[in-house]
N, C-alpha and C. Protein backbone atom coordinates (compact mmCIF):
# COMPACT_ATOMS: atom_id res chain seq x y z
N VAL A 1 -10.74 -6.94 -33.28
CA VAL A 1 -10.51 -8.29 -32.77
C VAL A 1 -10.58 -8.36 -31.30
N GLU A 2 -11.32 -9.38 -30.84
CA GLU A 2 -11.50 -9.40 -29.42
C GLU A 2 -11.03 -10.90 -28.92
N VAL A 3 -10.28 -10.93 -27.79
CA VAL A 3 -9.89 -12.21 -27.28
C VAL A 3 -10.22 -12.16 -25.76
N VAL A 4 -10.93 -13.15 -25.34
CA VAL A 4 -11.37 -13.17 -23.94
C VAL A 4 -10.75 -14.42 -23.23
N VAL A 5 -10.17 -14.28 -22.09
CA VAL A 5 -9.49 -15.33 -21.36
C VAL A 5 -10.13 -15.37 -20.00
N THR A 6 -10.73 -16.56 -19.60
CA THR A 6 -11.31 -16.56 -18.32
C THR A 6 -10.67 -17.70 -17.45
N ASP A 7 -10.84 -17.60 -16.14
CA ASP A 7 -10.45 -18.73 -15.35
C ASP A 7 -11.52 -18.87 -14.21
N THR A 8 -11.38 -19.90 -13.46
CA THR A 8 -12.35 -20.29 -12.44
C THR A 8 -11.77 -20.28 -11.12
N GLY A 9 -10.68 -19.40 -11.00
CA GLY A 9 -10.04 -19.32 -9.66
C GLY A 9 -10.72 -18.50 -8.61
N ILE A 10 -10.02 -18.03 -7.73
CA ILE A 10 -10.62 -17.27 -6.60
C ILE A 10 -11.03 -15.88 -6.93
N GLY A 11 -10.67 -15.33 -8.03
CA GLY A 11 -11.07 -14.01 -8.30
C GLY A 11 -9.99 -12.96 -7.77
N ILE A 12 -10.20 -11.77 -8.14
CA ILE A 12 -9.28 -10.67 -7.70
C ILE A 12 -10.10 -9.81 -6.68
N ALA A 13 -9.50 -9.63 -5.59
CA ALA A 13 -10.15 -8.84 -4.49
C ALA A 13 -10.45 -7.39 -5.04
N PRO A 14 -11.61 -6.85 -4.60
CA PRO A 14 -11.96 -5.53 -5.02
C PRO A 14 -11.03 -4.39 -4.78
N GLU A 15 -10.28 -4.52 -3.71
CA GLU A 15 -9.28 -3.55 -3.35
C GLU A 15 -8.05 -3.70 -4.25
N THR A 16 -7.82 -4.73 -4.85
CA THR A 16 -6.72 -5.13 -5.69
C THR A 16 -6.92 -4.72 -7.09
N LEU A 17 -8.16 -4.90 -7.57
CA LEU A 17 -8.53 -4.71 -8.95
C LEU A 17 -8.07 -3.35 -9.56
N PRO A 18 -8.20 -2.24 -8.89
CA PRO A 18 -7.87 -0.95 -9.55
C PRO A 18 -6.29 -0.94 -9.79
N HIS A 19 -5.50 -1.76 -9.23
CA HIS A 19 -4.11 -1.63 -9.25
C HIS A 19 -3.34 -2.63 -10.22
N ILE A 20 -4.09 -3.56 -10.78
CA ILE A 20 -3.43 -4.70 -11.46
C ILE A 20 -2.63 -4.36 -12.66
N PHE A 21 -2.99 -3.11 -13.34
CA PHE A 21 -2.22 -2.80 -14.45
C PHE A 21 -1.12 -1.77 -14.13
N GLU A 22 -0.87 -1.53 -12.77
CA GLU A 22 0.22 -0.58 -12.46
C GLU A 22 1.55 -1.28 -12.50
N PRO A 23 2.52 -0.66 -12.92
CA PRO A 23 3.89 -1.25 -12.96
C PRO A 23 4.38 -1.60 -11.51
N PHE A 24 5.03 -2.75 -11.45
CA PHE A 24 5.56 -3.24 -10.15
C PHE A 24 4.49 -3.62 -9.20
N PHE A 25 3.23 -3.61 -9.40
CA PHE A 25 2.22 -4.07 -8.43
C PHE A 25 2.13 -5.61 -8.52
N THR A 26 2.30 -6.19 -7.39
CA THR A 26 2.09 -7.62 -7.34
C THR A 26 1.46 -8.04 -6.01
N THR A 27 0.84 -9.24 -6.03
CA THR A 27 0.24 -9.77 -4.87
C THR A 27 1.06 -10.97 -4.35
N LYS A 28 2.15 -11.20 -5.15
CA LYS A 28 2.99 -12.42 -4.78
C LYS A 28 3.93 -12.04 -3.70
N GLU A 29 4.42 -13.00 -2.95
CA GLU A 29 5.37 -12.68 -1.93
C GLU A 29 6.71 -12.24 -2.48
N GLU A 30 7.44 -11.61 -1.58
CA GLU A 30 8.70 -11.00 -2.05
C GLU A 30 9.60 -11.97 -2.69
N GLY A 31 10.26 -11.59 -3.75
CA GLY A 31 11.13 -12.41 -4.51
C GLY A 31 10.55 -13.24 -5.58
N ARG A 32 9.16 -13.22 -5.69
CA ARG A 32 8.53 -13.97 -6.81
C ARG A 32 7.66 -13.01 -7.65
N GLY A 33 8.10 -12.84 -8.87
CA GLY A 33 7.54 -12.02 -9.82
C GLY A 33 7.97 -10.53 -9.69
N THR A 34 7.72 -9.75 -10.79
CA THR A 34 8.15 -8.38 -10.80
C THR A 34 6.94 -7.43 -10.77
N GLY A 35 5.80 -7.89 -11.05
CA GLY A 35 4.61 -7.00 -11.16
C GLY A 35 4.60 -6.20 -12.42
N LEU A 36 5.30 -6.74 -13.41
CA LEU A 36 5.42 -6.03 -14.76
C LEU A 36 4.56 -6.63 -15.85
N GLY A 37 4.11 -7.91 -15.78
CA GLY A 37 3.42 -8.59 -16.76
C GLY A 37 2.11 -7.92 -17.31
N LEU A 38 1.26 -7.60 -16.39
CA LEU A 38 -0.07 -7.00 -16.85
C LEU A 38 0.21 -5.63 -17.25
N SER A 39 1.17 -4.79 -16.52
CA SER A 39 1.36 -3.51 -16.98
C SER A 39 2.03 -3.36 -18.37
N ILE A 40 2.81 -4.21 -18.73
CA ILE A 40 3.43 -4.30 -20.09
C ILE A 40 2.34 -4.65 -21.03
N CYS A 41 1.50 -5.70 -20.80
CA CYS A 41 0.35 -5.98 -21.70
C CYS A 41 -0.50 -4.91 -21.96
N HIS A 42 -0.88 -4.15 -20.93
CA HIS A 42 -1.85 -3.03 -20.98
C HIS A 42 -1.15 -1.89 -21.83
N ARG A 43 0.03 -1.65 -21.52
CA ARG A 43 0.81 -0.56 -22.34
C ARG A 43 0.89 -0.85 -23.85
N LEU A 44 1.29 -2.08 -24.17
CA LEU A 44 1.34 -2.53 -25.49
C LEU A 44 -0.04 -2.46 -26.19
N THR A 45 -1.03 -2.93 -25.59
CA THR A 45 -2.42 -2.94 -26.14
C THR A 45 -2.78 -1.49 -26.48
N ARG A 46 -2.64 -0.58 -25.48
CA ARG A 46 -3.05 0.79 -25.71
C ARG A 46 -2.22 1.38 -26.80
N SER A 47 -0.95 1.06 -26.93
CA SER A 47 -0.06 1.69 -27.96
C SER A 47 -0.52 1.26 -29.36
N HIS A 48 -1.28 0.19 -29.44
CA HIS A 48 -1.75 -0.27 -30.74
C HIS A 48 -3.28 0.09 -30.86
N GLY A 49 -3.72 1.04 -30.03
CA GLY A 49 -5.00 1.42 -30.14
C GLY A 49 -6.14 0.54 -29.63
N GLY A 50 -5.70 -0.41 -28.79
CA GLY A 50 -6.62 -1.27 -28.18
C GLY A 50 -7.02 -1.08 -26.79
N GLU A 51 -7.70 -2.05 -26.22
CA GLU A 51 -8.15 -1.92 -24.81
C GLU A 51 -7.86 -3.31 -24.22
N LEU A 52 -7.58 -3.27 -22.87
CA LEU A 52 -7.34 -4.48 -22.12
C LEU A 52 -8.07 -4.21 -20.75
N ASP A 53 -9.04 -5.01 -20.45
CA ASP A 53 -9.85 -4.81 -19.12
C ASP A 53 -10.04 -6.12 -18.46
N VAL A 54 -10.46 -6.00 -17.26
CA VAL A 54 -10.72 -7.20 -16.51
C VAL A 54 -11.97 -7.06 -15.70
N GLU A 55 -12.68 -8.16 -15.46
CA GLU A 55 -13.84 -8.23 -14.66
C GLU A 55 -13.61 -9.42 -13.73
N SER A 56 -13.97 -9.34 -12.50
CA SER A 56 -13.72 -10.41 -11.53
C SER A 56 -14.85 -10.54 -10.56
N ASP A 57 -15.09 -11.76 -10.23
CA ASP A 57 -16.06 -12.21 -9.10
C ASP A 57 -15.34 -13.09 -8.15
N ILE A 58 -15.34 -12.60 -6.84
CA ILE A 58 -14.72 -13.34 -5.83
C ILE A 58 -15.27 -14.72 -5.77
N GLY A 59 -14.49 -15.77 -5.76
CA GLY A 59 -15.02 -17.12 -5.71
C GLY A 59 -15.43 -17.75 -6.98
N ARG A 60 -15.44 -16.89 -8.15
CA ARG A 60 -15.86 -17.37 -9.39
C ARG A 60 -14.79 -17.13 -10.50
N GLY A 61 -13.79 -16.37 -10.29
CA GLY A 61 -12.70 -16.19 -11.30
C GLY A 61 -12.74 -14.77 -11.80
N ALA A 62 -11.90 -14.70 -12.91
CA ALA A 62 -11.65 -13.48 -13.53
C ALA A 62 -11.78 -13.61 -15.10
N ARG A 63 -12.11 -12.59 -15.77
CA ARG A 63 -12.26 -12.56 -17.19
C ARG A 63 -11.45 -11.26 -17.71
N PHE A 64 -10.32 -11.59 -18.56
CA PHE A 64 -9.56 -10.51 -19.18
C PHE A 64 -10.12 -10.42 -20.53
N ARG A 65 -10.29 -9.21 -21.08
CA ARG A 65 -10.72 -8.96 -22.47
C ARG A 65 -9.80 -8.05 -23.23
N LEU A 66 -9.18 -8.48 -24.34
CA LEU A 66 -8.33 -7.79 -25.11
C LEU A 66 -8.96 -7.47 -26.46
N ARG A 67 -8.96 -6.18 -26.73
CA ARG A 67 -9.52 -5.74 -27.98
C ARG A 67 -8.55 -4.90 -28.73
N LEU A 68 -8.41 -5.31 -30.01
CA LEU A 68 -7.35 -4.66 -30.90
C LEU A 68 -8.12 -4.24 -32.17
N PRO A 69 -7.84 -3.03 -32.69
CA PRO A 69 -8.48 -2.66 -33.90
C PRO A 69 -7.96 -3.46 -35.09
N VAL A 70 -8.81 -3.69 -36.08
CA VAL A 70 -8.38 -4.37 -37.38
C VAL A 70 -7.77 -3.26 -38.31
N GLU A 71 -6.68 -3.55 -38.73
CA GLU A 71 -6.01 -2.67 -39.66
C GLU A 71 -6.73 -2.65 -41.00
N GLN A 72 -7.00 -1.43 -41.58
CA GLN A 72 -7.73 -1.40 -42.80
C GLN A 72 -6.79 -0.73 -43.84
N ASP A 73 -6.98 -1.12 -45.09
CA ASP A 73 -6.24 -0.38 -46.14
C ASP A 73 -6.95 0.76 -46.52
N ASP A 74 -6.43 1.54 -47.46
CA ASP A 74 -7.02 2.87 -47.95
C ASP A 74 -8.49 2.74 -48.46
N MET A 75 -8.81 1.58 -48.88
CA MET A 75 -10.23 1.28 -49.40
C MET A 75 -11.09 0.87 -48.35
N GLY A 76 -10.65 0.60 -47.09
CA GLY A 76 -11.59 0.26 -46.10
C GLY A 76 -11.63 -1.18 -45.67
N ALA A 77 -10.85 -1.99 -46.59
CA ALA A 77 -10.93 -3.42 -46.44
C ALA A 77 -9.89 -3.80 -45.43
N ALA A 78 -10.29 -4.91 -44.64
CA ALA A 78 -9.27 -5.43 -43.68
C ALA A 78 -8.03 -5.90 -44.29
N SER A 79 -7.01 -5.63 -43.67
CA SER A 79 -5.65 -5.99 -44.20
C SER A 79 -5.38 -7.41 -43.91
N ASP A 80 -4.67 -8.09 -44.86
CA ASP A 80 -4.39 -9.53 -44.65
C ASP A 80 -2.95 -9.68 -44.09
N HIS A 81 -2.35 -8.67 -43.46
CA HIS A 81 -1.07 -8.88 -42.86
C HIS A 81 -1.12 -9.88 -41.68
N ALA A 82 -0.20 -10.70 -41.63
CA ALA A 82 -0.13 -11.65 -40.44
C ALA A 82 0.97 -11.40 -39.53
C-alpha cells in the first residue's frame, strides 16, 4: 500500500533533508515542537516492514511517500483485517 502526501510550500533545504527523520531534529524556533514527529513515523513504518521517504524541490514543495506491505494469509491472499 502506498500513500503520497504533497505540499506546495517552500520545500526542504538540501542541508536539512538528510536530518528530518532524526529524533529531536527540528527547524522550528526553541520552545515550538519537539522534533519527534517524523522520527516516530519513520520508526513505526520501518517496524512494520515499510518505507517512508521524502523528495523536495526548493520553491515547489515536498512529497512524502509511505509504503507498507500488504499482509497476506498462508495461501498468499491479501488479508481483510481492518
